[in-house]
Amino acid sequence: MRKEGIHPEWHSEAPVICNGVEVMTVGGTKESYNVDIYSGNHPFYQGAQTSMVMDEGQVCVVCHLSQEG
């Protein structure tokens, strides 16, 4: 049983915003989520073997392991 007054408010349809566009909805404790990368634009899910991603002003080179062999 849930205690009253100690749990955060649950938002069952919180929008996920990437580059100003709503890309999906999720359940969570925030009204909305602003993200830079999600599965629709993440290099790994796009099939890239090597990617450059900006992380707090630094360039991070991401090398993905091949599924072959």
C-alpha atoms as a PDB file:
ATOM      1  CA  MET A   1       0.000   0.000   0.000  1.00  0.00           C
ATOM      2  CA  ARG A   2       1.237   3.444  -0.913  1.00  0.00           C
ATOM      3  CA  LYS A   3       1.824   6.084   1.789  1.00  0.00           C
ATOM      4  CA  GLU A   4       0.216   9.457   1.167  1.00  0.00           C
ATOM      5  CA  GLY A   5       2.358  12.553   0.657  1.00  0.00           C
ATOM      6  CA  ILE A   6       5.795  10.948   0.106  1.00  0.00           C
ATOM      7  CA  HIS A   7       5.662   9.811  -3.535  1.00  0.00           C
ATOM      8  CA  PRO A   8       6.279  12.110  -6.500  1.00  0.00           C
ATOM      9  CA  GLU A   9       3.440  12.792  -8.914  1.00  0.00           C
ATOM     10  CA  TRP A  10       3.304  10.231 -11.739  1.00  0.00           C
ATOM     11  CA  HIS A  11       2.786  11.418 -15.314  1.00  0.00           C
ATOM     12  CA  SER A  12       1.672   8.483 -17.438  1.00  0.00           C
ATOM     13  CA  GLU A  13       1.973  10.349 -20.776  1.00  0.00           C
ATOM     14  CA  ALA A  14       5.046  12.591 -20.376  1.00  0.00           C
ATOM     15  CA  PRO A  15       6.315  13.806 -23.772  1.00  0.00           C
ATOM     16  CA  VAL A  16       9.974  13.282 -24.724  1.00  0.00           C
ATOM     17  CA  ILE A  17      11.243  16.327 -26.662  1.00  0.00           C
ATOM     18  CA  CYS A  18      14.341  16.177 -28.910  1.00  0.00           C
ATOM     19  CA  ASN A  19      15.373  19.293 -30.868  1.00  0.00           C
ATOM     20  CA  GLY A  20      11.970  20.871 -30.237  1.00  0.00           C
ATOM     21  CA  VAL A  21      10.010  17.891 -31.575  1.00  0.00           C
ATOM     22  CA  GLU A  22       7.990  15.424 -29.510  1.00  0.00           C
ATOM     23  CA  VAL A  23       9.464  12.041 -30.407  1.00  0.00           C
ATOM     24  CA  MET A  24       7.633   9.732 -27.977  1.00  0.00           C
ATOM     25  CA  THR A  25       5.793   9.623 -24.670  1.00  0.00           C
ATOM     26  CA  VAL A  26       6.836   7.786 -21.534  1.00  0.00           C
ATOM     27  CA  GLY A  27       5.617   7.395 -17.991  1.00  0.00           C
ATOM     28  CA  GLY A  28       7.691   9.213 -15.411  1.00  0.00           C
ATOM     29  CA  THR A  29       7.903  11.665 -12.550  1.00  0.00           C
ATOM     30  CA  LYS A  30       8.552  14.731 -14.757  1.00  0.00           C
ATOM     31  CA  GLU A  31       5.911  16.518 -16.843  1.00  0.00           C
ATOM     32  CA  SER A  32       8.193  16.326 -19.900  1.00  0.00           C
ATOM     33  CA  TYR A  33      11.708  15.187 -20.811  1.00  0.00           C
ATOM     34  CA  ASN A  34      14.105  17.221 -22.986  1.00  0.00           C
ATOM     35  CA  VAL A  35      16.809  14.997 -24.498  1.00  0.00           C
ATOM     36  CA  ASP A  36      19.657  15.449 -26.981  1.00  0.00           C
ATOM     37  CA  ILE A  37      19.852  11.831 -28.149  1.00  0.00           C
ATOM     38  CA  TYR A  38      17.206   9.099 -28.271  1.00  0.00           C
ATOM     39  CA  SER A  39      16.878   5.796 -30.121  1.00  0.00           C
ATOM     40  CA  GLY A  40      15.621   7.533 -33.272  1.00  0.00           C
ATOM     41  CA  ASN A  41      18.781   9.612 -33.773  1.00  0.00           C
ATOM     42  CA  HIS A  42      21.405   7.674 -31.794  1.00  0.00           C
ATOM     43  CA  PRO A  43      24.236   6.479 -34.068  1.00  0.00           C
ATOM     44  CA  PHE A  44      24.133   2.910 -32.698  1.00  0.00           C
ATOM     45  CA  TYR A  45      20.484   2.470 -33.704  1.00  0.00           C
ATOM     46  CA  GLN A  46      21.136   4.114 -37.089  1.00  0.00           C
ATOM     47  CA  GLY A  47      23.718   1.447 -38.020  1.00  0.00           C
ATOM     48  CA  ALA A  48      26.812   3.662 -37.822  1.00  0.00           C
ATOM     49  CA  GLN A  49      30.086   1.943 -36.965  1.00  0.00           C
ATOM     50  CA  THR A  50      31.846   5.118 -35.770  1.00  0.00           C
ATOM     51  CA  SER A  51      30.134   8.296 -34.653  1.00  0.00           C
ATOM     52  CA  MET A  52      31.027  11.719 -33.308  1.00  0.00           C
ATOM     53  CA  VAL A  53      28.778  13.023 -30.543  1.00  0.00           C
ATOM     54  CA  MET A  54      29.083  16.351 -28.696  1.00  0.00           C
ATOM     55  CA  ASP A  55      29.056  15.874 -24.915  1.00  0.00           C
ATOM     56  CA  GLU A  56      29.155  19.118 -22.916  1.00  0.00           C
ATOM     57  CA  GLY A  57      31.268  20.801 -25.571  1.00  0.00           C
ATOM     58  CA  GLN A  58      33.664  17.880 -26.057  1.00  0.00           C
ATOM     59  CA  VAL A  59      33.695  15.624 -29.075  1.00  0.00           C
ATOM     60  CA  CYS A  60      33.331  11.962 -28.152  1.00  0.00           C
ATOM     61  CA  VAL A  61      34.153   9.356 -30.780  1.00  0.00           C
ATOM     62  CA  VAL A  62      31.964   6.305 -30.325  1.00  0.00           C
ATOM     63  CA  CYS A  63      33.148   3.062 -31.943  1.00  0.00           C
ATOM     64  CA  HIS A  64      30.568   0.316 -32.081  1.00  0.00           C
ATOM     65  CA  LEU A  65      31.609  -3.306 -32.103  1.00  0.00           C
ATOM     66  CA  SER A  66      30.590  -5.210 -35.175  1.00  0.00           C
ATOM     67  CA  GLN A  67      28.086  -8.014 -34.726  1.00  0.00           C
ATOM     68  CA  GLU A  68      29.948 -10.030 -37.380  1.00  0.00           C
ATOM     69  CA  GLY A  69      32.246 -12.934 -36.643  1.00  0.00           C
END
